[in-house]
């Protein structure tokens, strides 16, 4: 929980997969809405 204007840092720890070899992303979802893409990280670093 954070106030408007504040900051948070999310982390995702992986096991069983080497993330540097994978396409990675962050998505979000609220009740009653479709999941939406937040950020997508390609293998080339973009």
ModelCIF file with pLDDT and N, C-alpha, C, O atoms, coordinates in Angstrom:
data_MODEL
#
_entry.id   MODEL 
#
_entity.id                         1 
_entity.type                       polymer 
_entity.pdbx_number_of_molecules   1 
#
_entity_poly.entity_id                      1 
_entity_poly.type                           'polypeptide(L)' 
_entity_poly.nstd_linkage                   no 
_entity_poly.nstd_monomer                   no 
_entity_poly.pdbx_seq_one_letter_code       
;(UNK)(UNK)(UNK)(UNK)(UNK)(UNK)(UNK)(UNK)(UNK)(UNK)(UNK)(UNK)(UNK)(UNK)(UNK)(UNK)
(UNK)(UNK)(UNK)(UNK)(UNK)(UNK)(UNK)(UNK)(UNK)(UNK)(UNK)(UNK)(UNK)(UNK)(UNK)(UNK)
(UNK)(UNK)(UNK)(UNK)(UNK)(UNK)(UNK)(UNK)(UNK)(UNK)(UNK)(UNK)(UNK)(UNK)
;
_entity_poly.pdbx_seq_one_letter_code_can   XXXXXXXXXXXXXXXXXXXXXXXXXXXXXXXXXXXXXXXXXXXXXX 
_entity_poly.pdbx_strand_id                 A 
#
loop_
_entity_poly_seq.entity_id 
_entity_poly_seq.num 
_entity_poly_seq.mon_id 
_entity_poly_seq.hetero 
1 1  UNK n 
1 2  UNK n 
1 3  UNK n 
1 4  UNK n 
1 5  UNK n 
1 6  UNK n 
1 7  UNK n 
1 8  UNK n 
1 9  UNK n 
1 10 UNK n 
1 11 UNK n 
1 12 UNK n 
1 13 UNK n 
1 14 UNK n 
1 15 UNK n 
1 16 UNK n 
1 17 UNK n 
1 18 UNK n 
1 19 UNK n 
1 20 UNK n 
1 21 UNK n 
1 22 UNK n 
1 23 UNK n 
1 24 UNK n 
1 25 UNK n 
1 26 UNK n 
1 27 UNK n 
1 28 UNK n 
1 29 UNK n 
1 30 UNK n 
1 31 UNK n 
1 32 UNK n 
1 33 UNK n 
1 34 UNK n 
1 35 UNK n 
1 36 UNK n 
1 37 UNK n 
1 38 UNK n 
1 39 UNK n 
1 40 UNK n 
1 41 UNK n 
1 42 UNK n 
1 43 UNK n 
1 44 UNK n 
1 45 UNK n 
1 46 UNK n 
#
_struct_asym.id          A 
_struct_asym.entity_id   1 
#
loop_
_ma_qa_metric.id 
_ma_qa_metric.mode 
_ma_qa_metric.name 
_ma_qa_metric.software_group_id 
_ma_qa_metric.type 
1 global pLDDT . pLDDT 
2 local  pLDDT . pLDDT 
#
_ma_qa_metric_global.metric_id      1 
_ma_qa_metric_global.metric_value   94.57 
_ma_qa_metric_global.model_id       1 
_ma_qa_metric_global.ordinal_id     1 
#
loop_
_ma_qa_metric_local.label_asym_id 
_ma_qa_metric_local.label_comp_id 
_ma_qa_metric_local.label_seq_id 
_ma_qa_metric_local.metric_id 
_ma_qa_metric_local.metric_value 
_ma_qa_metric_local.model_id 
_ma_qa_metric_local.ordinal_id 
A UNK 1  2 98.00 1 1  
A UNK 2  2 98.00 1 2  
A UNK 3  2 98.00 1 3  
A UNK 4  2 98.00 1 4  
A UNK 5  2 98.00 1 5  
A UNK 6  2 98.00 1 6  
A UNK 7  2 98.00 1 7  
A UNK 8  2 98.00 1 8  
A UNK 9  2 98.00 1 9  
A UNK 10 2 98.00 1 10 
A UNK 11 2 98.00 1 11 
A UNK 12 2 97.00 1 12 
A UNK 13 2 96.00 1 13 
A UNK 14 2 94.00 1 14 
A UNK 15 2 93.00 1 15 
A UNK 16 2 92.00 1 16 
A UNK 17 2 89.00 1 17 
A UNK 18 2 89.00 1 18 
A UNK 19 2 87.00 1 19 
A UNK 20 2 86.00 1 20 
A UNK 21 2 89.00 1 21 
A UNK 22 2 92.00 1 22 
A UNK 23 2 95.00 1 23 
A UNK 24 2 95.00 1 24 
A UNK 25 2 96.00 1 25 
A UNK 26 2 98.00 1 26 
A UNK 27 2 98.00 1 27 
A UNK 28 2 98.00 1 28 
A UNK 29 2 97.00 1 29 
A UNK 30 2 95.00 1 30 
A UNK 31 2 90.00 1 31 
A UNK 32 2 91.00 1 32 
A UNK 33 2 93.00 1 33 
A UNK 34 2 95.00 1 34 
A UNK 35 2 95.00 1 35 
A UNK 36 2 97.00 1 36 
A UNK 37 2 97.00 1 37 
A UNK 38 2 98.00 1 38 
A UNK 39 2 98.00 1 39 
A UNK 40 2 97.00 1 40 
A UNK 41 2 95.00 1 41 
A UNK 42 2 93.00 1 42 
A UNK 43 2 89.00 1 43 
A UNK 44 2 88.00 1 44 
A UNK 45 2 86.00 1 45 
A UNK 46 2 94.00 1 46 
#
loop_
_atom_site.group_PDB 
_atom_site.id 
_atom_site.type_symbol 
_atom_site.label_atom_id 
_atom_site.label_alt_id 
_atom_site.label_comp_id 
_atom_site.label_asym_id 
_atom_site.label_entity_id 
_atom_site.label_seq_id 
_atom_site.pdbx_PDB_ins_code 
_atom_site.Cartn_x 
_atom_site.Cartn_y 
_atom_site.Cartn_z 
_atom_site.occupancy 
_atom_site.B_iso_or_equiv 
_atom_site.pdbx_formal_charge 
_atom_site.auth_seq_id 
_atom_site.auth_comp_id 
_atom_site.auth_asym_id 
_atom_site.auth_atom_id 
_atom_site.pdbx_PDB_model_num 
ATOM 1   N N  . UNK A 1 1  ? 0.852   -1.184  0.000   1.00 98.00 ? 1  UNK A N  1 
ATOM 2   C CA . UNK A 1 1  ? 0.000   0.000   0.000   1.00 98.00 ? 1  UNK A CA 1 
ATOM 3   C C  . UNK A 1 1  ? 0.891   1.238   0.000   1.00 98.00 ? 1  UNK A C  1 
ATOM 4   O O  . UNK A 1 1  ? 1.821   1.345   0.799   1.00 98.00 ? 1  UNK A O  1 
ATOM 5   N N  . UNK A 1 2  ? 0.601   2.158   -0.891  1.00 98.00 ? 2  UNK A N  1 
ATOM 6   C CA . UNK A 1 2  ? 1.393   3.384   -0.994  1.00 98.00 ? 2  UNK A CA 1 
ATOM 7   C C  . UNK A 1 2  ? 0.451   4.539   -1.337  1.00 98.00 ? 2  UNK A C  1 
ATOM 8   O O  . UNK A 1 2  ? -0.586  4.337   -1.969  1.00 98.00 ? 2  UNK A O  1 
ATOM 9   N N  . UNK A 1 3  ? 0.816   5.732   -0.923  1.00 98.00 ? 3  UNK A N  1 
ATOM 10  C CA . UNK A 1 3  ? 0.018   6.910   -1.255  1.00 98.00 ? 3  UNK A CA 1 
ATOM 11  C C  . UNK A 1 3  ? 0.315   7.358   -2.678  1.00 98.00 ? 3  UNK A C  1 
ATOM 12  O O  . UNK A 1 3  ? 1.388   7.095   -3.220  1.00 98.00 ? 3  UNK A O  1 
ATOM 13  N N  . UNK A 1 4  ? -0.646  8.031   -3.264  1.00 98.00 ? 4  UNK A N  1 
ATOM 14  C CA . UNK A 1 4  ? -0.447  8.582   -4.599  1.00 98.00 ? 4  UNK A CA 1 
ATOM 15  C C  . UNK A 1 4  ? 0.800   9.456   -4.624  1.00 98.00 ? 4  UNK A C  1 
ATOM 16  O O  . UNK A 1 4  ? 1.044   10.244  -3.710  1.00 98.00 ? 4  UNK A O  1 
ATOM 17  N N  . UNK A 1 5  ? 1.577   9.303   -5.681  1.00 98.00 ? 5  UNK A N  1 
ATOM 18  C CA . UNK A 1 5  ? 2.836   10.025  -5.799  1.00 98.00 ? 5  UNK A CA 1 
ATOM 19  C C  . UNK A 1 5  ? 4.030   9.265   -5.268  1.00 98.00 ? 5  UNK A C  1 
ATOM 20  O O  . UNK A 1 5  ? 5.174   9.662   -5.489  1.00 98.00 ? 5  UNK A O  1 
ATOM 21  N N  . UNK A 1 6  ? 3.771   8.180   -4.571  1.00 98.00 ? 6  UNK A N  1 
ATOM 22  C CA . UNK A 1 6  ? 4.841   7.386   -3.995  1.00 98.00 ? 6  UNK A CA 1 
ATOM 23  C C  . UNK A 1 6  ? 5.443   6.400   -4.977  1.00 98.00 ? 6  UNK A C  1 
ATOM 24  O O  . UNK A 1 6  ? 5.121   6.390   -6.165  1.00 98.00 ? 6  UNK A O  1 
ATOM 25  N N  . UNK A 1 7  ? 6.332   5.568   -4.439  1.00 98.00 ? 7  UNK A N  1 
ATOM 26  C CA . UNK A 1 7  ? 7.060   4.606   -5.265  1.00 98.00 ? 7  UNK A CA 1 
ATOM 27  C C  . UNK A 1 7  ? 7.039   3.214   -4.636  1.00 98.00 ? 7  UNK A C  1 
ATOM 28  O O  . UNK A 1 7  ? 6.933   3.058   -3.420  1.00 98.00 ? 7  UNK A O  1 
ATOM 29  N N  . UNK A 1 8  ? 7.140   2.229   -5.491  1.00 98.00 ? 8  UNK A N  1 
ATOM 30  C CA . UNK A 1 8  ? 7.327   0.846   -5.077  1.00 98.00 ? 8  UNK A CA 1 
ATOM 31  C C  . UNK A 1 8  ? 8.252   0.173   -6.081  1.00 98.00 ? 8  UNK A C  1 
ATOM 32  O O  . UNK A 1 8  ? 8.332   0.567   -7.244  1.00 98.00 ? 8  UNK A O  1 
ATOM 33  N N  . UNK A 1 9  ? 8.947   -0.850  -5.601  1.00 98.00 ? 9  UNK A N  1 
ATOM 34  C CA . UNK A 1 9  ? 9.794   -1.643  -6.484  1.00 98.00 ? 9  UNK A CA 1 
ATOM 35  C C  . UNK A 1 9  ? 9.383   -3.095  -6.368  1.00 98.00 ? 9  UNK A C  1 
ATOM 36  O O  . UNK A 1 9  ? 9.461   -3.694  -5.295  1.00 98.00 ? 9  UNK A O  1 
ATOM 37  N N  . UNK A 1 10 ? 8.946   -3.652  -7.477  1.00 98.00 ? 10 UNK A N  1 
ATOM 38  C CA . UNK A 1 10 ? 8.567   -5.056  -7.522  1.00 98.00 ? 10 UNK A CA 1 
ATOM 39  C C  . UNK A 1 10 ? 9.740   -5.878  -8.033  1.00 98.00 ? 10 UNK A C  1 
ATOM 40  O O  . UNK A 1 10 ? 10.525  -5.423  -8.864  1.00 98.00 ? 10 UNK A O  1 
ATOM 41  N N  . UNK A 1 11 ? 9.840   -7.087  -7.523  1.00 98.00 ? 11 UNK A N  1 
ATOM 42  C CA . UNK A 1 11 ? 10.853  -8.019  -7.995  1.00 98.00 ? 11 UNK A CA 1 
ATOM 43  C C  . UNK A 1 11 ? 10.204  -9.339  -8.373  1.00 98.00 ? 11 UNK A C  1 
ATOM 44  O O  . UNK A 1 11 ? 9.156   -9.710  -7.845  1.00 98.00 ? 11 UNK A O  1 
ATOM 45  N N  . UNK A 1 12 ? 10.838  -10.028 -9.285  1.00 97.00 ? 12 UNK A N  1 
ATOM 46  C CA . UNK A 1 12 ? 10.375  -11.352 -9.712  1.00 97.00 ? 12 UNK A CA 1 
ATOM 47  C C  . UNK A 1 12 ? 11.584  -12.272 -9.724  1.00 97.00 ? 12 UNK A C  1 
ATOM 48  O O  . UNK A 1 12 ? 12.512  -12.100 -10.514 1.00 97.00 ? 12 UNK A O  1 
ATOM 49  N N  . UNK A 1 13 ? 11.551  -13.248 -8.834  1.00 96.00 ? 13 UNK A N  1 
ATOM 50  C CA . UNK A 1 13 ? 12.639  -14.218 -8.742  1.00 96.00 ? 13 UNK A CA 1 
ATOM 51  C C  . UNK A 1 13 ? 12.246  -15.484 -9.481  1.00 96.00 ? 13 UNK A C  1 
ATOM 52  O O  . UNK A 1 13 ? 11.132  -15.985 -9.329  1.00 96.00 ? 13 UNK A O  1 
ATOM 53  N N  . UNK A 1 14 ? 13.161  -15.992 -10.277 1.00 94.00 ? 14 UNK A N  1 
ATOM 54  C CA . UNK A 1 14 ? 12.857  -17.154 -11.108 1.00 94.00 ? 14 UNK A CA 1 
ATOM 55  C C  . UNK A 1 14 ? 13.691  -18.359 -10.707 1.00 94.00 ? 14 UNK A C  1 
ATOM 56  O O  . UNK A 1 14 ? 14.843  -18.238 -10.290 1.00 94.00 ? 14 UNK A O  1 
ATOM 57  N N  . UNK A 1 15 ? 13.077  -19.514 -10.845 1.00 93.00 ? 15 UNK A N  1 
ATOM 58  C CA . UNK A 1 15 ? 13.798  -20.778 -10.705 1.00 93.00 ? 15 UNK A CA 1 
ATOM 59  C C  . UNK A 1 15 ? 13.343  -21.697 -11.827 1.00 93.00 ? 15 UNK A C  1 
ATOM 60  O O  . UNK A 1 15 ? 12.192  -21.649 -12.262 1.00 93.00 ? 15 UNK A O  1 
ATOM 61  N N  . UNK A 1 16 ? 14.262  -22.532 -12.285 1.00 92.00 ? 16 UNK A N  1 
ATOM 62  C CA . UNK A 1 16 ? 13.922  -23.459 -13.350 1.00 92.00 ? 16 UNK A CA 1 
ATOM 63  C C  . UNK A 1 16 ? 13.976  -22.865 -14.737 1.00 92.00 ? 16 UNK A C  1 
ATOM 64  O O  . UNK A 1 16 ? 13.657  -23.537 -15.718 1.00 92.00 ? 16 UNK A O  1 
ATOM 65  N N  . UNK A 1 17 ? 14.377  -21.606 -14.830 1.00 89.00 ? 17 UNK A N  1 
ATOM 66  C CA . UNK A 1 17 ? 14.454  -20.920 -16.111 1.00 89.00 ? 17 UNK A CA 1 
ATOM 67  C C  . UNK A 1 17 ? 15.528  -19.851 -16.014 1.00 89.00 ? 17 UNK A C  1 
ATOM 68  O O  . UNK A 1 17 ? 15.676  -19.201 -14.979 1.00 89.00 ? 17 UNK A O  1 
ATOM 69  N N  . UNK A 1 18 ? 16.271  -19.674 -17.086 1.00 89.00 ? 18 UNK A N  1 
ATOM 70  C CA . UNK A 1 18 ? 17.293  -18.621 -17.127 1.00 89.00 ? 18 UNK A CA 1 
ATOM 71  C C  . UNK A 1 18 ? 16.666  -17.397 -17.777 1.00 89.00 ? 18 UNK A C  1 
ATOM 72  O O  . UNK A 1 18 ? 16.399  -17.389 -18.978 1.00 89.00 ? 18 UNK A O  1 
ATOM 73  N N  . UNK A 1 19 ? 16.436  -16.368 -16.981 1.00 87.00 ? 19 UNK A N  1 
ATOM 74  C CA . UNK A 1 19 ? 15.681  -15.218 -17.458 1.00 87.00 ? 19 UNK A CA 1 
ATOM 75  C C  . UNK A 1 19 ? 16.389  -14.471 -18.576 1.00 87.00 ? 19 UNK A C  1 
ATOM 76  O O  . UNK A 1 19 ? 15.731  -13.852 -19.414 1.00 87.00 ? 19 UNK A O  1 
ATOM 77  N N  . UNK A 1 20 ? 17.711  -14.515 -18.607 1.00 86.00 ? 20 UNK A N  1 
ATOM 78  C CA . UNK A 1 20 ? 18.433  -13.805 -19.664 1.00 86.00 ? 20 UNK A CA 1 
ATOM 79  C C  . UNK A 1 20 ? 18.138  -14.391 -21.039 1.00 86.00 ? 20 UNK A C  1 
ATOM 80  O O  . UNK A 1 20 ? 18.362  -13.732 -22.055 1.00 86.00 ? 20 UNK A O  1 
ATOM 81  N N  . UNK A 1 21 ? 17.640  -15.617 -21.080 1.00 89.00 ? 21 UNK A N  1 
ATOM 82  C CA . UNK A 1 21 ? 17.303  -16.261 -22.345 1.00 89.00 ? 21 UNK A CA 1 
ATOM 83  C C  . UNK A 1 21 ? 15.831  -16.144 -22.700 1.00 89.00 ? 21 UNK A C  1 
ATOM 84  O O  . UNK A 1 21 ? 15.387  -16.673 -23.719 1.00 89.00 ? 21 UNK A O  1 
ATOM 85  N N  . UNK A 1 22 ? 15.084  -15.459 -21.869 1.00 92.00 ? 22 UNK A N  1 
ATOM 86  C CA . UNK A 1 22 ? 13.631  -15.410 -22.031 1.00 92.00 ? 22 UNK A CA 1 
ATOM 87  C C  . UNK A 1 22 ? 13.137  -14.003 -22.335 1.00 92.00 ? 22 UNK A C  1 
ATOM 88  O O  . UNK A 1 22 ? 13.756  -13.011 -21.949 1.00 92.00 ? 22 UNK A O  1 
ATOM 89  N N  . UNK A 1 23 ? 12.028  -13.941 -23.023 1.00 95.00 ? 23 UNK A N  1 
ATOM 90  C CA . UNK A 1 23 ? 11.262  -12.708 -23.132 1.00 95.00 ? 23 UNK A CA 1 
ATOM 91  C C  . UNK A 1 23 ? 10.560  -12.519 -21.791 1.00 95.00 ? 23 UNK A C  1 
ATOM 92  O O  . UNK A 1 23 ? 9.882   -13.429 -21.313 1.00 95.00 ? 23 UNK A O  1 
ATOM 93  N N  . UNK A 1 24 ? 10.716  -11.351 -21.184 1.00 95.00 ? 24 UNK A N  1 
ATOM 94  C CA . UNK A 1 24 ? 10.159  -11.117 -19.861 1.00 95.00 ? 24 UNK A CA 1 
ATOM 95  C C  . UNK A 1 24 ? 9.181   -9.962  -19.887 1.00 95.00 ? 24 UNK A C  1 
ATOM 96  O O  . UNK A 1 24 ? 9.311   -9.031  -20.682 1.00 95.00 ? 24 UNK A O  1 
ATOM 97  N N  . UNK A 1 25 ? 8.200   -10.039 -19.005 1.00 96.00 ? 25 UNK A N  1 
ATOM 98  C CA . UNK A 1 25 ? 7.250   -8.945  -18.962 1.00 96.00 ? 25 UNK A CA 1 
ATOM 99  C C  . UNK A 1 25 ? 6.589   -8.796  -17.615 1.00 96.00 ? 25 UNK A C  1 
ATOM 100 O O  . UNK A 1 25 ? 6.625   -9.690  -16.769 1.00 96.00 ? 25 UNK A O  1 
ATOM 101 N N  . UNK A 1 26 ? 5.988   -7.648  -17.443 1.00 98.00 ? 26 UNK A N  1 
ATOM 102 C CA . UNK A 1 26 ? 5.133   -7.360  -16.286 1.00 98.00 ? 26 UNK A CA 1 
ATOM 103 C C  . UNK A 1 26 ? 3.742   -7.031  -16.817 1.00 98.00 ? 26 UNK A C  1 
ATOM 104 O O  . UNK A 1 26 ? 3.592   -6.251  -17.758 1.00 98.00 ? 26 UNK A O  1 
ATOM 105 N N  . UNK A 1 27 ? 2.735   -7.629  -16.208 1.00 98.00 ? 27 UNK A N  1 
ATOM 106 C CA . UNK A 1 27 ? 1.350   -7.378  -16.541 1.00 98.00 ? 27 UNK A CA 1 
ATOM 107 C C  . UNK A 1 27 ? 0.631   -6.975  -15.256 1.00 98.00 ? 27 UNK A C  1 
ATOM 108 O O  . UNK A 1 27 ? 1.137   -7.168  -14.150 1.00 98.00 ? 27 UNK A O  1 
ATOM 109 N N  . UNK A 1 28 ? -0.562  -6.411  -15.433 1.00 98.00 ? 28 UNK A N  1 
ATOM 110 C CA . UNK A 1 28 ? -1.376  -6.117  -14.262 1.00 98.00 ? 28 UNK A CA 1 
ATOM 111 C C  . UNK A 1 28 ? -2.836  -6.391  -14.573 1.00 98.00 ? 28 UNK A C  1 
ATOM 112 O O  . UNK A 1 28 ? -3.264  -6.397  -15.727 1.00 98.00 ? 28 UNK A O  1 
ATOM 113 N N  . UNK A 1 29 ? -3.580  -6.614  -13.510 1.00 97.00 ? 29 UNK A N  1 
ATOM 114 C CA . UNK A 1 29 ? -5.002  -6.917  -13.669 1.00 97.00 ? 29 UNK A CA 1 
ATOM 115 C C  . UNK A 1 29 ? -5.773  -6.422  -12.472 1.00 97.00 ? 29 UNK A C  1 
ATOM 116 O O  . UNK A 1 29 ? -5.335  -6.559  -11.329 1.00 97.00 ? 29 UNK A O  1 
ATOM 117 N N  . UNK A 1 30 ? -6.937  -5.840  -12.749 1.00 95.00 ? 30 UNK A N  1 
ATOM 118 C CA . UNK A 1 30 ? -7.866  -5.444  -11.704 1.00 95.00 ? 30 UNK A CA 1 
ATOM 119 C C  . UNK A 1 30 ? -9.143  -6.251  -11.888 1.00 95.00 ? 30 UNK A C  1 
ATOM 120 O O  . UNK A 1 30 ? -9.428  -6.710  -12.994 1.00 95.00 ? 30 UNK A O  1 
ATOM 121 N N  . UNK A 1 31 ? -9.912  -6.430  -10.827 1.00 90.00 ? 31 UNK A N  1 
ATOM 122 C CA . UNK A 1 31 ? -11.139 -7.235  -10.922 1.00 90.00 ? 31 UNK A CA 1 
ATOM 123 C C  . UNK A 1 31 ? -12.069 -6.719  -12.013 1.00 90.00 ? 31 UNK A C  1 
ATOM 124 O O  . UNK A 1 31 ? -12.329 -5.520  -12.110 1.00 90.00 ? 31 UNK A O  1 
ATOM 125 N N  . UNK A 1 32 ? -12.558 -7.625  -12.817 1.00 91.00 ? 32 UNK A N  1 
ATOM 126 C CA . UNK A 1 32 ? -13.497 -7.274  -13.861 1.00 91.00 ? 32 UNK A CA 1 
ATOM 127 C C  . UNK A 1 32 ? -12.876 -6.723  -15.129 1.00 91.00 ? 32 UNK A C  1 
ATOM 128 O O  . UNK A 1 32 ? -13.586 -6.405  -16.083 1.00 91.00 ? 32 UNK A O  1 
ATOM 129 N N  . UNK A 1 33 ? -11.566 -6.610  -15.146 1.00 93.00 ? 33 UNK A N  1 
ATOM 130 C CA . UNK A 1 33 ? -10.876 -6.099  -16.331 1.00 93.00 ? 33 UNK A CA 1 
ATOM 131 C C  . UNK A 1 33 ? -9.895  -7.137  -16.870 1.00 93.00 ? 33 UNK A C  1 
ATOM 132 O O  . UNK A 1 33 ? -9.432  -8.021  -16.150 1.00 93.00 ? 33 UNK A O  1 
ATOM 133 N N  . UNK A 1 34 ? -9.597  -7.000  -18.153 1.00 95.00 ? 34 UNK A N  1 
ATOM 134 C CA . UNK A 1 34 ? -8.597  -7.897  -18.744 1.00 95.00 ? 34 UNK A CA 1 
ATOM 135 C C  . UNK A 1 34 ? -7.204  -7.546  -18.249 1.00 95.00 ? 34 UNK A C  1 
ATOM 136 O O  . UNK A 1 34 ? -6.911  -6.404  -17.896 1.00 95.00 ? 34 UNK A O  1 
ATOM 137 N N  . UNK A 1 35 ? -6.366  -8.557  -18.237 1.00 95.00 ? 35 UNK A N  1 
ATOM 138 C CA . UNK A 1 35 ? -4.968  -8.332  -17.885 1.00 95.00 ? 35 UNK A CA 1 
ATOM 139 C C  . UNK A 1 35 ? -4.337  -7.444  -18.950 1.00 95.00 ? 35 UNK A C  1 
ATOM 140 O O  . UNK A 1 35 ? -4.585  -7.629  -20.142 1.00 95.00 ? 35 UNK A O  1 
ATOM 141 N N  . UNK A 1 36 ? -3.534  -6.494  -18.531 1.00 97.00 ? 36 UNK A N  1 
ATOM 142 C CA . UNK A 1 36 ? -2.923  -5.572  -19.490 1.00 97.00 ? 36 UNK A CA 1 
ATOM 143 C C  . UNK A 1 36 ? -1.411  -5.537  -19.318 1.00 97.00 ? 36 UNK A C  1 
ATOM 144 O O  . UNK A 1 36 ? -0.879  -5.662  -18.215 1.00 97.00 ? 36 UNK A O  1 
ATOM 145 N N  . UNK A 1 37 ? -0.750  -5.365  -20.436 1.00 97.00 ? 37 UNK A N  1 
ATOM 146 C CA . UNK A 1 37 ? 0.699   -5.328  -20.448 1.00 97.00 ? 37 UNK A CA 1 
ATOM 147 C C  . UNK A 1 37 ? 1.202   -4.018  -19.842 1.00 97.00 ? 37 UNK A C  1 
ATOM 148 O O  . UNK A 1 37 ? 0.697   -2.940  -20.156 1.00 97.00 ? 37 UNK A O  1 
ATOM 149 N N  . UNK A 1 38 ? 2.193   -4.128  -18.978 1.00 98.00 ? 38 UNK A N  1 
ATOM 150 C CA . UNK A 1 38 ? 2.836   -2.956  -18.389 1.00 98.00 ? 38 UNK A CA 1 
ATOM 151 C C  . UNK A 1 38 ? 4.193   -2.707  -19.068 1.00 98.00 ? 38 UNK A C  1 
ATOM 152 O O  . UNK A 1 38 ? 4.481   -1.597  -19.515 1.00 98.00 ? 38 UNK A O  1 
ATOM 153 N N  . UNK A 1 39 ? 5.008   -3.753  -19.136 1.00 98.00 ? 39 UNK A N  1 
ATOM 154 C CA . UNK A 1 39 ? 6.334   -3.624  -19.745 1.00 98.00 ? 39 UNK A CA 1 
ATOM 155 C C  . UNK A 1 39 ? 6.751   -4.975  -20.312 1.00 98.00 ? 39 UNK A C  1 
ATOM 156 O O  . UNK A 1 39 ? 6.441   -6.025  -19.749 1.00 98.00 ? 39 UNK A O  1 
ATOM 157 N N  . UNK A 1 40 ? 7.462   -4.930  -21.440 1.00 97.00 ? 40 UNK A N  1 
ATOM 158 C CA . UNK A 1 40 ? 7.923   -6.158  -22.079 1.00 97.00 ? 40 UNK A CA 1 
ATOM 159 C C  . UNK A 1 40 ? 9.391   -6.000  -22.415 1.00 97.00 ? 40 UNK A C  1 
ATOM 160 O O  . UNK A 1 40 ? 9.773   -5.080  -23.138 1.00 97.00 ? 40 UNK A O  1 
ATOM 161 N N  . UNK A 1 41 ? 10.223  -6.901  -21.887 1.00 95.00 ? 41 UNK A N  1 
ATOM 162 C CA . UNK A 1 41 ? 11.671  -6.814  -22.049 1.00 95.00 ? 41 UNK A CA 1 
ATOM 163 C C  . UNK A 1 41 ? 12.143  -7.894  -23.015 1.00 95.00 ? 41 UNK A C  1 
ATOM 164 O O  . UNK A 1 41 ? 12.015  -9.086  -22.734 1.00 95.00 ? 41 UNK A O  1 
ATOM 165 N N  . UNK A 1 42 ? 12.679  -7.480  -24.135 1.00 93.00 ? 42 UNK A N  1 
ATOM 166 C CA . UNK A 1 42 ? 13.160  -8.431  -25.120 1.00 93.00 ? 42 UNK A CA 1 
ATOM 167 C C  . UNK A 1 42 ? 14.524  -8.981  -24.728 1.00 93.00 ? 42 UNK A C  1 
ATOM 168 O O  . UNK A 1 42 ? 15.205  -8.442  -23.856 1.00 93.00 ? 42 UNK A O  1 
ATOM 169 N N  . UNK A 1 43 ? 14.900  -10.050 -25.386 1.00 89.00 ? 43 UNK A N  1 
ATOM 170 C CA . UNK A 1 43 ? 16.191  -10.672 -25.112 1.00 89.00 ? 43 UNK A CA 1 
ATOM 171 C C  . UNK A 1 43 ? 17.352  -9.763  -25.509 1.00 89.00 ? 43 UNK A C  1 
ATOM 172 O O  . UNK A 1 43 ? 18.453  -9.875  -24.970 1.00 89.00 ? 43 UNK A O  1 
ATOM 173 N N  . UNK A 1 44 ? 17.089  -8.856  -26.466 1.00 88.00 ? 44 UNK A N  1 
ATOM 174 C CA . UNK A 1 44 ? 18.162  -7.976  -26.923 1.00 88.00 ? 44 UNK A CA 1 
ATOM 175 C C  . UNK A 1 44 ? 18.368  -6.774  -26.004 1.00 88.00 ? 44 UNK A C  1 
ATOM 176 O O  . UNK A 1 44 ? 19.217  -5.921  -26.265 1.00 88.00 ? 44 UNK A O  1 
ATOM 177 N N  . UNK A 1 45 ? 17.583  -6.712  -24.922 1.00 86.00 ? 45 UNK A N  1 
ATOM 178 C CA . UNK A 1 45 ? 17.767  -5.641  -23.955 1.00 86.00 ? 45 UNK A CA 1 
ATOM 179 C C  . UNK A 1 45 ? 16.812  -4.481  -24.096 1.00 86.00 ? 45 UNK A C  1 
ATOM 180 O O  . UNK A 1 45 ? 16.764  -3.605  -23.233 1.00 86.00 ? 45 UNK A O  1 
ATOM 181 N N  . UNK A 1 46 ? 16.045  -4.465  -25.183 1.00 94.00 ? 46 UNK A N  1 
ATOM 182 C CA . UNK A 1 46 ? 15.079  -3.381  -25.358 1.00 94.00 ? 46 UNK A CA 1 
ATOM 183 C C  . UNK A 1 46 ? 13.836  -3.645  -24.515 1.00 94.00 ? 46 UNK A C  1 
ATOM 184 O O  . UNK A 1 46 ? 12.902  -2.844  -24.525 1.00 94.00 ? 46 UNK A O  1 
#
